mmCIF file of all heavy atoms, coordinates in Angstrom:
data_MODEL
# 
_entry.id   MODEL 
# 
loop_
_atom_site.group_PDB 
_atom_site.id 
_atom_site.type_symbol 
_atom_site.label_atom_id 
_atom_site.label_alt_id 
_atom_site.label_comp_id 
_atom_site.label_asym_id 
_atom_site.label_entity_id 
_atom_site.label_seq_id 
_atom_site.pdbx_PDB_ins_code 
_atom_site.Cartn_x 
_atom_site.Cartn_y 
_atom_site.Cartn_z 
_atom_site.occupancy 
_atom_site.B_iso_or_equiv 
_atom_site.pdbx_formal_charge 
_atom_site.auth_seq_id 
_atom_site.auth_comp_id 
_atom_site.auth_asym_id 
_atom_site.auth_atom_id 
_atom_site.pdbx_PDB_model_num 
ATOM 1   N N   . TYR A 1 1  ? 199.649 63.637 391.554 1.00 0.00 ? 1  TYR A N   1 
ATOM 2   C CA  . TYR A 1 1  ? 199.076 64.685 392.410 1.00 0.00 ? 1  TYR A CA  1 
ATOM 3   C C   . TYR A 1 1  ? 199.677 64.648 393.809 1.00 0.00 ? 1  TYR A C   1 
ATOM 4   O O   . TYR A 1 1  ? 200.125 65.675 394.344 1.00 0.00 ? 1  TYR A O   1 
ATOM 5   C CB  . TYR A 1 1  ? 197.561 64.495 392.457 1.00 0.00 ? 1  TYR A CB  1 
ATOM 6   C CG  . TYR A 1 1  ? 196.787 65.507 393.268 1.00 0.00 ? 1  TYR A CG  1 
ATOM 7   C CD1 . TYR A 1 1  ? 197.215 66.823 393.416 1.00 0.00 ? 1  TYR A CD1 1 
ATOM 8   C CD2 . TYR A 1 1  ? 195.589 65.138 393.874 1.00 0.00 ? 1  TYR A CD2 1 
ATOM 9   C CE1 . TYR A 1 1  ? 196.470 67.746 394.149 1.00 0.00 ? 1  TYR A CE1 1 
ATOM 10  C CE2 . TYR A 1 1  ? 194.835 66.049 394.599 1.00 0.00 ? 1  TYR A CE2 1 
ATOM 11  C CZ  . TYR A 1 1  ? 195.282 67.344 394.733 1.00 0.00 ? 1  TYR A CZ  1 
ATOM 12  O OH  . TYR A 1 1  ? 194.549 68.245 395.462 1.00 0.00 ? 1  TYR A OH  1 
ATOM 13  N N   . TYR A 1 2  ? 199.726 63.488 394.393 1.00 0.00 ? 2  TYR A N   1 
ATOM 14  C CA  . TYR A 1 2  ? 200.246 63.380 395.759 1.00 0.00 ? 2  TYR A CA  1 
ATOM 15  C C   . TYR A 1 2  ? 201.743 63.672 395.819 1.00 0.00 ? 2  TYR A C   1 
ATOM 16  O O   . TYR A 1 2  ? 202.226 64.271 396.790 1.00 0.00 ? 2  TYR A O   1 
ATOM 17  C CB  . TYR A 1 2  ? 199.937 61.990 396.328 1.00 0.00 ? 2  TYR A CB  1 
ATOM 18  C CG  . TYR A 1 2  ? 198.473 61.778 396.686 1.00 0.00 ? 2  TYR A CG  1 
ATOM 19  C CD1 . TYR A 1 2  ? 198.013 60.536 397.107 1.00 0.00 ? 2  TYR A CD1 1 
ATOM 20  C CD2 . TYR A 1 2  ? 197.540 62.815 396.612 1.00 0.00 ? 2  TYR A CD2 1 
ATOM 21  C CE1 . TYR A 1 2  ? 196.676 60.327 397.446 1.00 0.00 ? 2  TYR A CE1 1 
ATOM 22  C CE2 . TYR A 1 2  ? 196.222 62.622 396.939 1.00 0.00 ? 2  TYR A CE2 1 
ATOM 23  C CZ  . TYR A 1 2  ? 195.785 61.377 397.352 1.00 0.00 ? 2  TYR A CZ  1 
ATOM 24  O OH  . TYR A 1 2  ? 194.471 61.179 397.695 1.00 0.00 ? 2  TYR A OH  1 
ATOM 25  N N   . ASN A 1 3  ? 202.491 63.266 394.805 1.00 0.00 ? 3  ASN A N   1 
ATOM 26  C CA  . ASN A 1 3  ? 203.920 63.592 394.780 1.00 0.00 ? 3  ASN A CA  1 
ATOM 27  C C   . ASN A 1 3  ? 204.146 65.088 394.586 1.00 0.00 ? 3  ASN A C   1 
ATOM 28  O O   . ASN A 1 3  ? 205.042 65.671 395.208 1.00 0.00 ? 3  ASN A O   1 
ATOM 29  C CB  . ASN A 1 3  ? 204.625 62.801 393.673 1.00 0.00 ? 3  ASN A CB  1 
ATOM 30  C CG  . ASN A 1 3  ? 204.835 61.341 394.039 1.00 0.00 ? 3  ASN A CG  1 
ATOM 31  O OD1 . ASN A 1 3  ? 205.066 61.004 395.199 1.00 0.00 ? 3  ASN A OD1 1 
ATOM 32  N ND2 . ASN A 1 3  ? 204.736 60.457 393.055 1.00 0.00 ? 3  ASN A ND2 1 
ATOM 33  N N   . GLN A 1 4  ? 203.333 65.695 393.741 1.00 0.00 ? 4  GLN A N   1 
ATOM 34  C CA  . GLN A 1 4  ? 203.443 67.140 393.559 1.00 0.00 ? 4  GLN A CA  1 
ATOM 35  C C   . GLN A 1 4  ? 203.151 67.877 394.869 1.00 0.00 ? 4  GLN A C   1 
ATOM 36  O O   . GLN A 1 4  ? 203.832 68.845 395.221 1.00 0.00 ? 4  GLN A O   1 
ATOM 37  C CB  . GLN A 1 4  ? 202.467 67.616 392.474 1.00 0.00 ? 4  GLN A CB  1 
ATOM 38  C CG  . GLN A 1 4  ? 202.880 67.268 391.056 1.00 0.00 ? 4  GLN A CG  1 
ATOM 39  C CD  . GLN A 1 4  ? 204.051 68.097 390.580 1.00 0.00 ? 4  GLN A CD  1 
ATOM 40  O OE1 . GLN A 1 4  ? 205.189 67.931 391.052 1.00 0.00 ? 4  GLN A OE1 1 
ATOM 41  N NE2 . GLN A 1 4  ? 203.803 68.990 389.654 1.00 0.00 ? 4  GLN A NE2 1 
ATOM 42  N N   . ALA A 1 5  ? 202.144 67.416 395.587 1.00 0.00 ? 5  ALA A N   1 
ATOM 43  C CA  . ALA A 1 5  ? 201.792 68.054 396.861 1.00 0.00 ? 5  ALA A CA  1 
ATOM 44  C C   . ALA A 1 5  ? 202.940 67.978 397.860 1.00 0.00 ? 5  ALA A C   1 
ATOM 45  O O   . ALA A 1 5  ? 203.179 68.917 398.633 1.00 0.00 ? 5  ALA A O   1 
ATOM 46  C CB  . ALA A 1 5  ? 200.541 67.400 397.446 1.00 0.00 ? 5  ALA A CB  1 
ATOM 47  N N   . ARG A 1 6  ? 203.664 66.861 397.853 1.00 0.00 ? 6  ARG A N   1 
ATOM 48  C CA  . ARG A 1 6  ? 204.842 66.748 398.713 1.00 0.00 ? 6  ARG A CA  1 
ATOM 49  C C   . ARG A 1 6  ? 205.859 67.828 398.356 1.00 0.00 ? 6  ARG A C   1 
ATOM 50  O O   . ARG A 1 6  ? 206.468 68.441 399.240 1.00 0.00 ? 6  ARG A O   1 
ATOM 51  C CB  . ARG A 1 6  ? 205.482 65.364 398.550 1.00 0.00 ? 6  ARG A CB  1 
ATOM 52  C CG  . ARG A 1 6  ? 204.695 64.217 399.172 1.00 0.00 ? 6  ARG A CG  1 
ATOM 53  C CD  . ARG A 1 6  ? 204.816 64.219 400.684 1.00 0.00 ? 6  ARG A CD  1 
ATOM 54  N NE  . ARG A 1 6  ? 204.200 63.043 401.273 1.00 0.00 ? 6  ARG A NE  1 
ATOM 55  C CZ  . ARG A 1 6  ? 204.845 61.928 401.581 1.00 0.00 ? 6  ARG A CZ  1 
ATOM 56  N NH1 . ARG A 1 6  ? 206.155 61.847 401.330 1.00 0.00 ? 6  ARG A NH1 1 
ATOM 57  N NH2 . ARG A 1 6  ? 204.213 60.909 402.112 1.00 0.00 ? 6  ARG A NH2 1 
ATOM 58  N N   . ARG A 1 7  ? 206.051 68.061 397.061 1.00 0.00 ? 7  ARG A N   1 
ATOM 59  C CA  . ARG A 1 7  ? 206.999 69.091 396.633 1.00 0.00 ? 7  ARG A CA  1 
ATOM 60  C C   . ARG A 1 7  ? 206.520 70.485 397.042 1.00 0.00 ? 7  ARG A C   1 
ATOM 61  O O   . ARG A 1 7  ? 207.320 71.366 397.365 1.00 0.00 ? 7  ARG A O   1 
ATOM 62  C CB  . ARG A 1 7  ? 207.182 69.034 395.118 1.00 0.00 ? 7  ARG A CB  1 
ATOM 63  C CG  . ARG A 1 7  ? 207.786 67.733 394.613 1.00 0.00 ? 7  ARG A CG  1 
ATOM 64  C CD  . ARG A 1 7  ? 208.045 67.782 393.107 1.00 0.00 ? 7  ARG A CD  1 
ATOM 65  N NE  . ARG A 1 7  ? 208.493 66.493 392.624 1.00 0.00 ? 7  ARG A NE  1 
ATOM 66  C CZ  . ARG A 1 7  ? 207.707 65.593 392.047 1.00 0.00 ? 7  ARG A CZ  1 
ATOM 67  N NH1 . ARG A 1 7  ? 206.429 65.850 391.872 1.00 0.00 ? 7  ARG A NH1 1 
ATOM 68  N NH2 . ARG A 1 7  ? 208.195 64.433 391.636 1.00 0.00 ? 7  ARG A NH2 1 
ATOM 69  N N   . TRP A 1 8  ? 205.197 70.695 396.985 1.00 0.00 ? 8  TRP A N   1 
ATOM 70  C CA  . TRP A 1 8  ? 204.648 71.998 397.366 1.00 0.00 ? 8  TRP A CA  1 
ATOM 71  C C   . TRP A 1 8  ? 204.605 72.194 398.881 1.00 0.00 ? 8  TRP A C   1 
ATOM 72  O O   . TRP A 1 8  ? 204.403 73.310 399.350 1.00 0.00 ? 8  TRP A O   1 
ATOM 73  C CB  . TRP A 1 8  ? 203.220 72.148 396.847 1.00 0.00 ? 8  TRP A CB  1 
ATOM 74  C CG  . TRP A 1 8  ? 203.029 71.936 395.385 1.00 0.00 ? 8  TRP A CG  1 
ATOM 75  C CD1 . TRP A 1 8  ? 203.918 72.201 394.380 1.00 0.00 ? 8  TRP A CD1 1 
ATOM 76  C CD2 . TRP A 1 8  ? 201.851 71.413 394.751 1.00 0.00 ? 8  TRP A CD2 1 
ATOM 77  N NE1 . TRP A 1 8  ? 203.375 71.880 393.166 1.00 0.00 ? 8  TRP A NE1 1 
ATOM 78  C CE2 . TRP A 1 8  ? 202.108 71.395 393.353 1.00 0.00 ? 8  TRP A CE2 1 
ATOM 79  C CE3 . TRP A 1 8  ? 200.612 70.977 395.214 1.00 0.00 ? 8  TRP A CE3 1 
ATOM 80  C CZ2 . TRP A 1 8  ? 201.159 70.942 392.434 1.00 0.00 ? 8  TRP A CZ2 1 
ATOM 81  C CZ3 . TRP A 1 8  ? 199.680 70.530 394.306 1.00 0.00 ? 8  TRP A CZ3 1 
ATOM 82  C CH2 . TRP A 1 8  ? 199.955 70.512 392.925 1.00 0.00 ? 8  TRP A CH2 1 
ATOM 83  N N   . GLY A 1 9  ? 204.745 71.121 399.629 1.00 0.00 ? 9  GLY A N   1 
ATOM 84  C CA  . GLY A 1 9  ? 204.597 71.207 401.082 1.00 0.00 ? 9  GLY A CA  1 
ATOM 85  C C   . GLY A 1 9  ? 203.151 71.366 401.502 1.00 0.00 ? 9  GLY A C   1 
ATOM 86  O O   . GLY A 1 9  ? 202.856 72.024 402.506 1.00 0.00 ? 9  GLY A O   1 
ATOM 87  N N   . LYS A 1 10 ? 202.218 70.740 400.753 1.00 0.00 ? 10 LYS A N   1 
ATOM 88  C CA  . LYS A 1 10 ? 200.790 70.878 401.031 1.00 0.00 ? 10 LYS A CA  1 
ATOM 89  C C   . LYS A 1 10 ? 200.172 69.526 401.364 1.00 0.00 ? 10 LYS A C   1 
ATOM 90  O O   . LYS A 1 10 ? 200.627 68.486 400.892 1.00 0.00 ? 10 LYS A O   1 
ATOM 91  C CB  . LYS A 1 10 ? 200.061 71.459 399.808 1.00 0.00 ? 10 LYS A CB  1 
ATOM 92  C CG  . LYS A 1 10 ? 200.476 72.860 399.442 1.00 0.00 ? 10 LYS A CG  1 
ATOM 93  C CD  . LYS A 1 10 ? 199.713 73.361 398.233 1.00 0.00 ? 10 LYS A CD  1 
ATOM 94  C CE  . LYS A 1 10 ? 198.230 73.502 398.512 1.00 0.00 ? 10 LYS A CE  1 
ATOM 95  N NZ  . LYS A 1 10 ? 197.541 74.257 397.440 1.00 0.00 ? 10 LYS A NZ  1 
ATOM 96  N N   . GLN A 1 11 ? 199.122 69.568 402.183 1.00 0.00 ? 11 GLN A N   1 
ATOM 97  C CA  . GLN A 1 11 ? 198.298 68.395 402.444 1.00 0.00 ? 11 GLN A CA  1 
ATOM 98  C C   . GLN A 1 11 ? 197.126 68.430 401.470 1.00 0.00 ? 11 GLN A C   1 
ATOM 99  O O   . GLN A 1 11 ? 196.326 69.374 401.481 1.00 0.00 ? 11 GLN A O   1 
ATOM 100 C CB  . GLN A 1 11 ? 197.772 68.402 403.871 1.00 0.00 ? 11 GLN A CB  1 
ATOM 101 C CG  . GLN A 1 11 ? 198.810 68.193 404.948 1.00 0.00 ? 11 GLN A CG  1 
ATOM 102 C CD  . GLN A 1 11 ? 198.160 68.159 406.330 1.00 0.00 ? 11 GLN A CD  1 
ATOM 103 O OE1 . GLN A 1 11 ? 197.252 68.935 406.630 1.00 0.00 ? 11 GLN A OE1 1 
ATOM 104 N NE2 . GLN A 1 11 ? 198.617 67.272 407.177 1.00 0.00 ? 11 GLN A NE2 1 
ATOM 105 N N   . VAL A 1 12 ? 196.999 67.425 400.631 1.00 0.00 ? 12 VAL A N   1 
ATOM 106 C CA  . VAL A 1 12 ? 195.935 67.390 399.634 1.00 0.00 ? 12 VAL A CA  1 
ATOM 107 C C   . VAL A 1 12 ? 195.225 66.044 399.690 1.00 0.00 ? 12 VAL A C   1 
ATOM 108 O O   . VAL A 1 12 ? 195.686 65.106 400.342 1.00 0.00 ? 12 VAL A O   1 
ATOM 109 C CB  . VAL A 1 12 ? 196.480 67.633 398.208 1.00 0.00 ? 12 VAL A CB  1 
ATOM 110 C CG1 . VAL A 1 12 ? 197.265 68.942 398.136 1.00 0.00 ? 12 VAL A CG1 1 
ATOM 111 C CG2 . VAL A 1 12 ? 197.340 66.461 397.749 1.00 0.00 ? 12 VAL A CG2 1 
ATOM 112 N N   . ALA A 1 13 ? 194.112 65.973 398.973 1.00 0.00 ? 13 ALA A N   1 
ATOM 113 C CA  . ALA A 1 13 ? 193.369 64.710 398.924 1.00 0.00 ? 13 ALA A CA  1 
ATOM 114 C C   . ALA A 1 13 ? 192.535 64.651 397.655 1.00 0.00 ? 13 ALA A C   1 
ATOM 115 O O   . ALA A 1 13 ? 192.139 65.681 397.092 1.00 0.00 ? 13 ALA A O   1 
ATOM 116 C CB  . ALA A 1 13 ? 192.474 64.550 400.144 1.00 0.00 ? 13 ALA A CB  1 
ATOM 117 N N   . VAL A 1 14 ? 192.250 63.433 397.239 1.00 0.00 ? 14 VAL A N   1 
ATOM 118 C CA  . VAL A 1 14 ? 191.289 63.135 396.175 1.00 0.00 ? 14 VAL A CA  1 
ATOM 119 C C   . VAL A 1 14 ? 190.045 62.558 396.834 1.00 0.00 ? 14 VAL A C   1 
ATOM 120 O O   . VAL A 1 14 ? 190.149 61.713 397.736 1.00 0.00 ? 14 VAL A O   1 
ATOM 121 C CB  . VAL A 1 14 ? 191.870 62.120 395.172 1.00 0.00 ? 14 VAL A CB  1 
ATOM 122 C CG1 . VAL A 1 14 ? 190.782 61.582 394.240 1.00 0.00 ? 14 VAL A CG1 1 
ATOM 123 C CG2 . VAL A 1 14 ? 192.991 62.753 394.364 1.00 0.00 ? 14 VAL A CG2 1 
ATOM 124 N N   . THR A 1 15 ? 188.863 63.005 396.410 1.00 0.00 ? 15 THR A N   1 
ATOM 125 C CA  . THR A 1 15 ? 187.622 62.363 396.865 1.00 0.00 ? 15 THR A CA  1 
ATOM 126 C C   . THR A 1 15 ? 187.054 61.539 395.724 1.00 0.00 ? 15 THR A C   1 
ATOM 127 O O   . THR A 1 15 ? 187.151 61.917 394.554 1.00 0.00 ? 15 THR A O   1 
ATOM 128 C CB  . THR A 1 15 ? 186.561 63.381 397.334 1.00 0.00 ? 15 THR A CB  1 
ATOM 129 O OG1 . THR A 1 15 ? 185.982 64.036 396.196 1.00 0.00 ? 15 THR A OG1 1 
ATOM 130 C CG2 . THR A 1 15 ? 187.160 64.406 398.267 1.00 0.00 ? 15 THR A CG2 1 
ATOM 131 N N   . PHE A 1 16 ? 186.456 60.403 396.072 1.00 0.00 ? 16 PHE A N   1 
ATOM 132 C CA  . PHE A 1 16 ? 185.867 59.514 395.075 1.00 0.00 ? 16 PHE A CA  1 
ATOM 133 C C   . PHE A 1 16 ? 184.663 58.822 395.698 1.00 0.00 ? 16 PHE A C   1 
ATOM 134 O O   . PHE A 1 16 ? 184.482 58.834 396.918 1.00 0.00 ? 16 PHE A O   1 
ATOM 135 C CB  . PHE A 1 16 ? 186.884 58.502 394.558 1.00 0.00 ? 16 PHE A CB  1 
ATOM 136 C CG  . PHE A 1 16 ? 187.649 57.785 395.649 1.00 0.00 ? 16 PHE A CG  1 
ATOM 137 C CD1 . PHE A 1 16 ? 187.154 56.628 396.231 1.00 0.00 ? 16 PHE A CD1 1 
ATOM 138 C CD2 . PHE A 1 16 ? 188.871 58.276 396.094 1.00 0.00 ? 16 PHE A CD2 1 
ATOM 139 C CE1 . PHE A 1 16 ? 187.857 55.977 397.232 1.00 0.00 ? 16 PHE A CE1 1 
ATOM 140 C CE2 . PHE A 1 16 ? 189.587 57.623 397.096 1.00 0.00 ? 16 PHE A CE2 1 
ATOM 141 C CZ  . PHE A 1 16 ? 189.084 56.475 397.665 1.00 0.00 ? 16 PHE A CZ  1 
ATOM 142 N N   . LYS A 1 17 ? 183.840 58.198 394.853 1.00 0.00 ? 17 LYS A N   1 
ATOM 143 C CA  . LYS A 1 17 ? 182.531 57.738 395.303 1.00 0.00 ? 17 LYS A CA  1 
ATOM 144 C C   . LYS A 1 17 ? 182.366 56.233 395.367 1.00 0.00 ? 17 LYS A C   1 
ATOM 145 O O   . LYS A 1 17 ? 181.289 55.748 395.716 1.00 0.00 ? 17 LYS A O   1 
ATOM 146 C CB  . LYS A 1 17 ? 181.454 58.340 394.400 1.00 0.00 ? 17 LYS A CB  1 
ATOM 147 C CG  . LYS A 1 17 ? 181.437 59.862 394.495 1.00 0.00 ? 17 LYS A CG  1 
ATOM 148 C CD  . LYS A 1 17 ? 180.307 60.500 393.747 1.00 0.00 ? 17 LYS A CD  1 
ATOM 149 C CE  . LYS A 1 17 ? 180.314 62.001 393.992 1.00 0.00 ? 17 LYS A CE  1 
ATOM 150 N NZ  . LYS A 1 17 ? 179.225 62.686 393.284 1.00 0.00 ? 17 LYS A NZ  1 
ATOM 151 N N   . ALA A 1 18 ? 183.408 55.492 395.014 1.00 0.00 ? 18 ALA A N   1 
ATOM 152 C CA  . ALA A 1 18 ? 183.317 54.031 395.086 1.00 0.00 ? 18 ALA A CA  1 
ATOM 153 C C   . ALA A 1 18 ? 184.709 53.459 395.270 1.00 0.00 ? 18 ALA A C   1 
ATOM 154 O O   . ALA A 1 18 ? 185.687 53.995 394.728 1.00 0.00 ? 18 ALA A O   1 
ATOM 155 C CB  . ALA A 1 18 ? 182.679 53.461 393.825 1.00 0.00 ? 18 ALA A CB  1 
ATOM 156 N N   . TYR A 1 19 ? 184.811 52.382 396.019 1.00 0.00 ? 19 TYR A N   1 
ATOM 157 C CA  . TYR A 1 19 ? 186.108 51.754 396.252 1.00 0.00 ? 19 TYR A CA  1 
ATOM 158 C C   . TYR A 1 19 ? 186.598 50.990 395.028 1.00 0.00 ? 19 TYR A C   1 
ATOM 159 O O   . TYR A 1 19 ? 187.724 50.492 395.013 1.00 0.00 ? 19 TYR A O   1 
ATOM 160 C CB  . TYR A 1 19 ? 186.037 50.847 397.471 1.00 0.00 ? 19 TYR A CB  1 
ATOM 161 C CG  . TYR A 1 19 ? 185.736 51.599 398.747 1.00 0.00 ? 19 TYR A CG  1 
ATOM 162 C CD1 . TYR A 1 19 ? 184.910 51.067 399.728 1.00 0.00 ? 19 TYR A CD1 1 
ATOM 163 C CD2 . TYR A 1 19 ? 186.263 52.873 398.963 1.00 0.00 ? 19 TYR A CD2 1 
ATOM 164 C CE1 . TYR A 1 19 ? 184.625 51.766 400.894 1.00 0.00 ? 19 TYR A CE1 1 
ATOM 165 C CE2 . TYR A 1 19 ? 185.979 53.589 400.121 1.00 0.00 ? 19 TYR A CE2 1 
ATOM 166 C CZ  . TYR A 1 19 ? 185.158 53.018 401.082 1.00 0.00 ? 19 TYR A CZ  1 
ATOM 167 O OH  . TYR A 1 19 ? 184.882 53.726 402.226 1.00 0.00 ? 19 TYR A OH  1 
ATOM 168 N N   . THR A 1 20 ? 185.757 50.911 393.980 1.00 0.00 ? 20 THR A N   1 
ATOM 169 C CA  . THR A 1 20 ? 186.239 50.389 392.701 1.00 0.00 ? 20 THR A CA  1 
ATOM 170 C C   . THR A 1 20 ? 186.992 51.463 391.929 1.00 0.00 ? 20 THR A C   1 
ATOM 171 O O   . THR A 1 20 ? 187.671 51.164 390.941 1.00 0.00 ? 20 THR A O   1 
ATOM 172 C CB  . THR A 1 20 ? 185.066 49.884 391.848 1.00 0.00 ? 20 THR A CB  1 
ATOM 173 O OG1 . THR A 1 20 ? 184.091 50.928 391.739 1.00 0.00 ? 20 THR A OG1 1 
ATOM 174 C CG2 . THR A 1 20 ? 184.435 48.652 392.471 1.00 0.00 ? 20 THR A CG2 1 
ATOM 175 N N   . ASP A 1 21 ? 186.869 52.733 392.362 1.00 0.00 ? 21 ASP A N   1 
ATOM 176 C CA  . ASP A 1 21 ? 187.574 53.837 391.701 1.00 0.00 ? 21 ASP A CA  1 
ATOM 177 C C   . ASP A 1 21 ? 189.025 53.907 392.162 1.00 0.00 ? 21 ASP A C   1 
ATOM 178 O O   . ASP A 1 21 ? 189.949 54.012 391.366 1.00 0.00 ? 21 ASP A O   1 
ATOM 179 C CB  . ASP A 1 21 ? 186.890 55.163 392.018 1.00 0.00 ? 21 ASP A CB  1 
ATOM 180 C CG  . ASP A 1 21 ? 185.459 55.230 391.506 1.00 0.00 ? 21 ASP A CG  1 
ATOM 181 O OD1 . ASP A 1 21 ? 185.108 54.423 390.622 1.00 0.00 ? 21 ASP A OD1 1 
ATOM 182 O OD2 . ASP A 1 21 ? 184.699 56.084 391.991 1.00 0.00 ? 21 ASP A OD2 1 
ATOM 183 N N   . TYR A 1 22 ? 189.190 53.872 393.479 1.00 0.00 ? 22 TYR A N   1 
ATOM 184 C CA  . TYR A 1 22 ? 190.506 53.928 394.112 1.00 0.00 ? 22 TYR A CA  1 
ATOM 185 C C   . TYR A 1 22 ? 190.464 53.077 395.381 1.00 0.00 ? 22 TYR A C   1 
ATOM 186 O O   . TYR A 1 22 ? 189.378 52.855 395.949 1.00 0.00 ? 22 TYR A O   1 
ATOM 187 C CB  . TYR A 1 22 ? 190.876 55.364 394.493 1.00 0.00 ? 22 TYR A CB  1 
ATOM 188 C CG  . TYR A 1 22 ? 191.377 56.213 393.348 1.00 0.00 ? 22 TYR A CG  1 
ATOM 189 C CD1 . TYR A 1 22 ? 190.647 57.309 392.900 1.00 0.00 ? 22 TYR A CD1 1 
ATOM 190 C CD2 . TYR A 1 22 ? 192.595 55.943 392.724 1.00 0.00 ? 22 TYR A CD2 1 
ATOM 191 C CE1 . TYR A 1 22 ? 191.109 58.104 391.856 1.00 0.00 ? 22 TYR A CE1 1 
ATOM 192 C CE2 . TYR A 1 22 ? 193.065 56.737 391.683 1.00 0.00 ? 22 TYR A CE2 1 
ATOM 193 C CZ  . TYR A 1 22 ? 192.324 57.812 391.262 1.00 0.00 ? 22 TYR A CZ  1 
ATOM 194 O OH  . TYR A 1 22 ? 192.787 58.585 390.227 1.00 0.00 ? 22 TYR A OH  1 
ATOM 195 N N   . PRO A 1 23 ? 191.620 52.627 395.879 1.00 0.00 ? 23 PRO A N   1 
ATOM 196 C CA  . PRO A 1 23 ? 191.626 51.898 397.152 1.00 0.00 ? 23 PRO A CA  1 
ATOM 197 C C   . PRO A 1 23 ? 191.050 52.763 398.284 1.00 0.00 ? 23 PRO A C   1 
ATOM 198 O O   . PRO A 1 23 ? 191.230 53.991 398.297 1.00 0.00 ? 23 PRO A O   1 
ATOM 199 C CB  . PRO A 1 23 ? 193.115 51.609 397.380 1.00 0.00 ? 23 PRO A CB  1 
ATOM 200 C CG  . PRO A 1 23 ? 193.734 51.662 396.030 1.00 0.00 ? 23 PRO A CG  1 
ATOM 201 C CD  . PRO A 1 23 ? 192.958 52.691 395.260 1.00 0.00 ? 23 PRO A CD  1 
ATOM 202 N N   . GLN A 1 24 ? 190.389 52.126 399.221 1.00 0.00 ? 24 GLN A N   1 
ATOM 203 C CA  . GLN A 1 24 ? 189.659 52.842 400.270 1.00 0.00 ? 24 GLN A CA  1 
ATOM 204 C C   . GLN A 1 24 ? 190.525 53.844 401.020 1.00 0.00 ? 24 GLN A C   1 
ATOM 205 O O   . GLN A 1 24 ? 190.091 54.966 401.293 1.00 0.00 ? 24 GLN A O   1 
ATOM 206 C CB  . GLN A 1 24 ? 189.061 51.840 401.266 1.00 0.00 ? 24 GLN A CB  1 
ATOM 207 C CG  . GLN A 1 24 ? 188.323 52.513 402.425 1.00 0.00 ? 24 GLN A CG  1 
ATOM 208 C CD  . GLN A 1 24 ? 187.673 51.507 403.361 1.00 0.00 ? 24 GLN A CD  1 
ATOM 209 O OE1 . GLN A 1 24 ? 187.650 50.324 403.061 1.00 0.00 ? 24 GLN A OE1 1 
ATOM 210 N NE2 . GLN A 1 24 ? 187.151 51.972 404.470 1.00 0.00 ? 24 GLN A NE2 1 
ATOM 211 N N   . THR A 1 25 ? 191.741 53.473 401.356 1.00 0.00 ? 25 THR A N   1 
ATOM 212 C CA  . THR A 1 25 ? 192.575 54.334 402.194 1.00 0.00 ? 25 THR A CA  1 
ATOM 213 C C   . THR A 1 25 ? 193.492 55.247 401.383 1.00 0.00 ? 25 THR A C   1 
ATOM 214 O O   . THR A 1 25 ? 194.427 55.822 401.932 1.00 0.00 ? 25 THR A O   1 
ATOM 215 C CB  . THR A 1 25 ? 193.432 53.480 403.151 1.00 0.00 ? 25 THR A CB  1 
ATOM 216 O OG1 . THR A 1 25 ? 194.243 52.579 402.377 1.00 0.00 ? 25 THR A OG1 1 
ATOM 217 C CG2 . THR A 1 25 ? 192.563 52.688 404.105 1.00 0.00 ? 25 THR A CG2 1 
ATOM 218 N N   . SER A 1 26 ? 193.211 55.413 400.080 1.00 0.00 ? 26 SER A N   1 
ATOM 219 C CA  . SER A 1 26 ? 194.059 56.285 399.261 1.00 0.00 ? 26 SER A CA  1 
ATOM 220 C C   . SER A 1 26 ? 193.493 57.680 399.098 1.00 0.00 ? 26 SER A C   1 
ATOM 221 O O   . SER A 1 26 ? 194.133 58.539 398.497 1.00 0.00 ? 26 SER A O   1 
ATOM 222 C CB  . SER A 1 26 ? 194.268 55.659 397.872 1.00 0.00 ? 26 SER A CB  1 
ATOM 223 O OG  . SER A 1 26 ? 193.047 55.608 397.168 1.00 0.00 ? 26 SER A OG  1 
ATOM 224 N N   . GLY A 1 27 ? 192.288 57.916 399.620 1.00 0.00 ? 27 GLY A N   1 
ATOM 225 C CA  . GLY A 1 27 ? 191.666 59.222 399.499 1.00 0.00 ? 27 GLY A CA  1 
ATOM 226 C C   . GLY A 1 27 ? 190.469 59.324 400.422 1.00 0.00 ? 27 GLY A C   1 
ATOM 227 O O   . GLY A 1 27 ? 190.391 58.619 401.431 1.00 0.00 ? 27 GLY A O   1 
ATOM 228 N N   . ILE A 1 28 ? 189.530 60.185 400.069 1.00 0.00 ? 28 ILE A N   1 
ATOM 229 C CA  . ILE A 1 28 ? 188.368 60.467 400.916 1.00 0.00 ? 28 ILE A CA  1 
ATOM 230 C C   . ILE A 1 28 ? 187.099 59.988 400.213 1.00 0.00 ? 28 ILE A C   1 
ATOM 231 O O   . ILE A 1 28 ? 186.836 60.343 399.064 1.00 0.00 ? 28 ILE A O   1 
ATOM 232 C CB  . ILE A 1 28 ? 188.278 61.970 401.219 1.00 0.00 ? 28 ILE A CB  1 
ATOM 233 C CG1 . ILE A 1 28 ? 189.491 62.414 402.050 1.00 0.00 ? 28 ILE A CG1 1 
ATOM 234 C CG2 . ILE A 1 28 ? 186.985 62.307 401.948 1.00 0.00 ? 28 ILE A CG2 1 
ATOM 235 C CD1 . ILE A 1 28 ? 189.625 63.910 402.217 1.00 0.00 ? 28 ILE A CD1 1 
ATOM 236 N N   . PHE A 1 29 ? 186.327 59.198 400.924 1.00 0.00 ? 29 PHE A N   1 
ATOM 237 C CA  . PHE A 1 29 ? 185.076 58.656 400.404 1.00 0.00 ? 29 PHE A CA  1 
ATOM 238 C C   . PHE A 1 29 ? 184.012 59.746 400.414 1.00 0.00 ? 29 PHE A C   1 
ATOM 239 O O   . PHE A 1 29 ? 183.848 60.474 401.387 1.00 0.00 ? 29 PHE A O   1 
ATOM 240 C CB  . PHE A 1 29 ? 184.635 57.471 401.257 1.00 0.00 ? 29 PHE A CB  1 
ATOM 241 C CG  . PHE A 1 29 ? 183.357 56.817 400.807 1.00 0.00 ? 29 PHE A CG  1 
ATOM 242 C CD1 . PHE A 1 29 ? 183.246 56.278 399.538 1.00 0.00 ? 29 PHE A CD1 1 
ATOM 243 C CD2 . PHE A 1 29 ? 182.271 56.741 401.655 1.00 0.00 ? 29 PHE A CD2 1 
ATOM 244 C CE1 . PHE A 1 29 ? 182.076 55.661 399.117 1.00 0.00 ? 29 PHE A CE1 1 
ATOM 245 C CE2 . PHE A 1 29 ? 181.099 56.129 401.264 1.00 0.00 ? 29 PHE A CE2 1 
ATOM 246 C CZ  . PHE A 1 29 ? 180.993 55.594 399.983 1.00 0.00 ? 29 PHE A CZ  1 
# 
């Protein structure tokens, strides 16, 4: 997703609800 966004020239993000899902600084809590 993030690599595709770079190709599109867009700022994107994933939101998640626990730091066991993804690293804290890799998306939006």
